[in-house]
Protein backbone atom coordinates (compact mmCIF):
# COMPACT_ATOMS: atom_id res chain seq x y z
CA UNK A 1 120.54 108.91 92.94
CA UNK A 2 123.37 109.28 95.39
CA UNK A 3 126.11 110.83 93.24
CA UNK A 4 128.75 108.77 95.03
CA UNK A 5 127.27 105.47 93.79
CA UNK A 6 129.08 104.02 90.76
CA UNK A 7 127.14 103.84 87.48
CA UNK A 8 128.45 102.87 84.06
CA UNK A 9 126.50 102.15 80.86
CA UNK A 10 128.53 100.86 77.90
CA UNK A 11 127.26 99.86 74.46
CA UNK A 12 129.47 97.60 72.33
CA UNK A 13 128.09 97.62 68.79
CA UNK A 14 130.65 95.09 67.54
CA UNK A 15 129.52 92.48 70.11
CA UNK A 16 125.84 93.55 70.19
CA UNK A 17 126.01 94.03 73.97
CA UNK A 18 125.08 96.51 76.66
CA UNK A 19 127.07 96.33 79.89
CA UNK A 20 125.70 98.16 82.92
CA UNK A 21 127.39 98.43 86.30
CA UNK A 22 125.47 100.03 89.15
CA UNK A 23 126.27 100.27 92.83
CA UNK A 24 123.50 100.26 95.48
CA UNK A 25 123.78 101.43 99.10
CA UNK A 26 122.36 98.23 100.60
CA UNK A 27 123.59 94.78 101.53
CA UNK A 28 123.63 91.91 99.05
CA UNK A 29 120.67 89.94 100.47
CA UNK A 30 118.37 92.97 100.21
CA UNK A 31 119.52 93.89 96.68
CA UNK A 32 119.14 90.23 95.58
CA UNK A 33 115.58 90.13 96.95
CA UNK A 34 114.72 93.36 95.10
CA UNK A 35 115.71 91.67 91.82
CA UNK A 36 114.17 88.24 92.49
CA UNK A 37 110.88 88.77 94.37
CA UNK A 38 107.93 90.09 92.39
CA UNK A 39 106.54 92.05 95.36
CA UNK A 40 109.70 94.17 95.33
CA UNK A 41 110.36 94.14 91.57
CA UNK A 42 106.94 95.60 90.90
CA UNK A 43 107.85 98.59 93.07
CA UNK A 44 110.87 99.70 91.02
CA UNK A 45 110.93 98.00 87.60
CA UNK A 46 109.44 100.34 85.03
CA UNK A 47 110.21 104.05 84.82
CA UNK A 48 107.42 106.26 86.18
CA UNK A 49 104.76 106.98 85.16
CA UNK A 50 104.90 103.36 84.01
CA UNK A 51 104.94 100.50 86.50
CA UNK A 52 105.46 96.75 86.44
CA UNK A 53 102.63 94.38 87.29
CA UNK A 54 103.57 90.73 87.72
CA UNK A 55 101.16 88.10 86.42
CA UNK A 56 103.42 85.11 87.20
CA UNK A 57 106.87 84.74 88.70
CA UNK A 58 108.61 81.41 89.27
CA UNK A 59 112.22 82.26 90.16
CA UNK A 60 113.95 78.95 89.48
CA UNK A 61 115.91 77.48 86.57
CA UNK A 62 113.27 76.72 83.96
CA UNK A 63 110.81 79.16 85.53
CA UNK A 64 109.85 82.56 84.21
CA UNK A 65 108.59 86.03 85.06
CA UNK A 66 105.57 87.24 83.07
CA UNK A 67 104.70 90.87 83.68
CA UNK A 68 103.09 93.88 82.10
CA UNK A 69 104.45 97.38 81.89
CA UNK A 70 101.33 99.37 82.76
CA UNK A 71 101.08 102.91 81.41
CA UNK A 72 99.37 105.93 82.93
CA UNK A 73 96.19 105.28 80.92
CA UNK A 74 96.15 101.59 81.95
CA UNK A 75 97.61 100.27 78.70
CA UNK A 76 99.70 97.09 79.11
CA UNK A 77 102.82 95.94 77.26
CA UNK A 78 103.77 92.38 78.19
CA UNK A 79 107.25 90.92 78.68
CA UNK A 80 108.61 87.53 79.63
CA UNK A 81 111.93 86.57 81.22
CA UNK A 82 112.86 82.87 81.19
CA UNK A 83 115.36 81.96 83.93
CA UNK A 84 118.29 79.94 82.57
CA UNK A 85 120.76 79.90 85.47
CA UNK A 86 120.61 80.89 89.14
CA UNK A 87 123.51 80.97 91.60
CA UNK A 88 121.90 82.18 94.86
CA UNK A 89 122.96 85.74 95.78
CA UNK A 90 125.68 85.65 93.09
CA UNK A 91 124.12 85.68 89.63
CA UNK A 92 121.24 84.72 87.39
CA UNK A 93 120.65 84.74 83.66
CA UNK A 94 117.46 85.09 81.70
CA UNK A 95 116.18 85.32 78.14
CA UNK A 96 113.97 88.42 77.75
CA UNK A 97 111.45 89.42 75.16
CA UNK A 98 108.14 91.16 74.53
CA UNK A 99 105.14 88.85 74.45
CA UNK A 100 101.37 88.67 74.70
CA UNK A 101 99.48 88.38 77.99
CA UNK A 102 99.86 84.57 77.83
CA UNK A 103 103.65 84.76 77.57
CA UNK A 104 103.98 83.92 73.86
CA UNK A 105 107.12 85.77 72.66
CA UNK A 106 106.66 88.23 69.79
CA UNK A 107 109.66 87.71 67.46
CA UNK A 108 109.04 91.10 65.80
CA UNK A 109 110.55 92.79 68.87
CA UNK A 110 114.14 92.56 70.13
CA UNK A 111 115.13 89.82 72.56
CA UNK A 112 118.23 89.51 74.68
CA UNK A 113 120.14 87.23 76.98
CA UNK A 114 120.73 89.07 80.26
CA UNK A 115 123.21 87.98 82.91
CA UNK A 116 123.08 89.79 86.26
CA UNK A 117 125.84 89.31 88.81
CA UNK A 118 125.92 90.67 92.35
CA UNK A 119 128.97 91.51 94.45
CA UNK A 120 128.92 92.57 98.09
CA UNK A 121 131.41 95.37 98.68
CA UNK A 122 132.29 97.07 101.94
CA UNK A 123 129.12 99.19 102.28
CA UNK A 124 127.44 98.66 98.91
CA UNK A 125 126.41 95.98 96.45
CA UNK A 126 127.59 96.15 92.85
CA UNK A 127 125.26 94.79 90.18
CA UNK A 128 126.73 93.91 86.78
CA UNK A 129 124.26 93.49 83.92
CA UNK A 130 125.34 92.13 80.56
CA UNK A 131 122.74 92.09 77.81
CA UNK A 132 123.56 90.17 74.63
CA UNK A 133 121.39 90.78 71.58
CA UNK A 134 120.84 88.42 68.64
CA UNK A 135 121.59 91.17 66.14
CA UNK A 136 122.84 94.71 65.75
CA UNK A 137 119.29 95.71 64.76
CA UNK A 138 117.90 94.34 68.04
CA UNK A 139 120.54 96.27 69.99
CA UNK A 140 119.76 99.49 68.12
CA UNK A 141 115.99 99.04 68.57
CA UNK A 142 116.45 98.61 72.33
CA UNK A 143 118.58 101.75 72.57
CA UNK A 144 116.06 103.68 70.44
CA UNK A 145 113.25 102.67 72.84
CA UNK A 146 115.03 104.64 75.58
CA UNK A 147 116.59 101.71 77.42
CA UNK A 148 119.37 103.74 79.05
CA UNK A 149 117.01 106.44 80.28
CA UNK A 150 114.53 103.83 81.50
CA UNK A 151 117.15 101.83 83.42
CA UNK A 152 118.55 105.02 84.96
CA UNK A 153 115.08 105.88 86.29
CA UNK A 154 114.52 102.27 87.42
CA UNK A 155 117.77 102.31 89.39
CA UNK A 156 116.82 105.58 91.09
CA UNK A 157 113.48 104.00 92.03
CA UNK A 158 115.38 100.96 93.33
CA UNK A 159 117.53 103.27 95.48
CA UNK A 160 114.34 104.66 97.04
CA UNK A 161 112.92 101.17 97.62
CA UNK A 162 116.14 99.94 99.23
CA UNK A 163 116.15 102.96 101.56
CA UNK A 164 112.55 102.21 102.57
CA UNK A 165 113.33 98.53 103.11
CA UNK A 166 116.40 99.30 105.23
CA UNK A 167 114.23 101.51 107.45
CA UNK A 168 111.82 98.63 108.25
């Protein structure tokens, strides 16, 4: 990560939220595409040695993204994100949860409502992520699974992808 890029990770246990702000050294259209096109998402979502593998992505209100986190031994853990709102190149919200390979949500695992907003700055794009959890227990379980460390690695991988894309 470029040390000059802004990064903040805040947990609010009273509101059951995680708020992440991360700056990327790329223009808004490229950063937006990296978050909304499966061909790009699969290249950075999932901290190595894990990787994302999209089964289905329909980026529209009412659509969803069904993907597996694939481990080094080929094991797959499935997740689903249902798109609730989309404001092109400004924001989108989704309901996330772990599921089976057919997209059936597993209520035994934490779910969240995530809102991502994007802001073009002079030479960077700022992404704001707000995750709202249904309960304190769901928030704690997500943190215990290494969410902060995983997102930090994901963002570093996204930096690398954006640099490659800018070079094309």
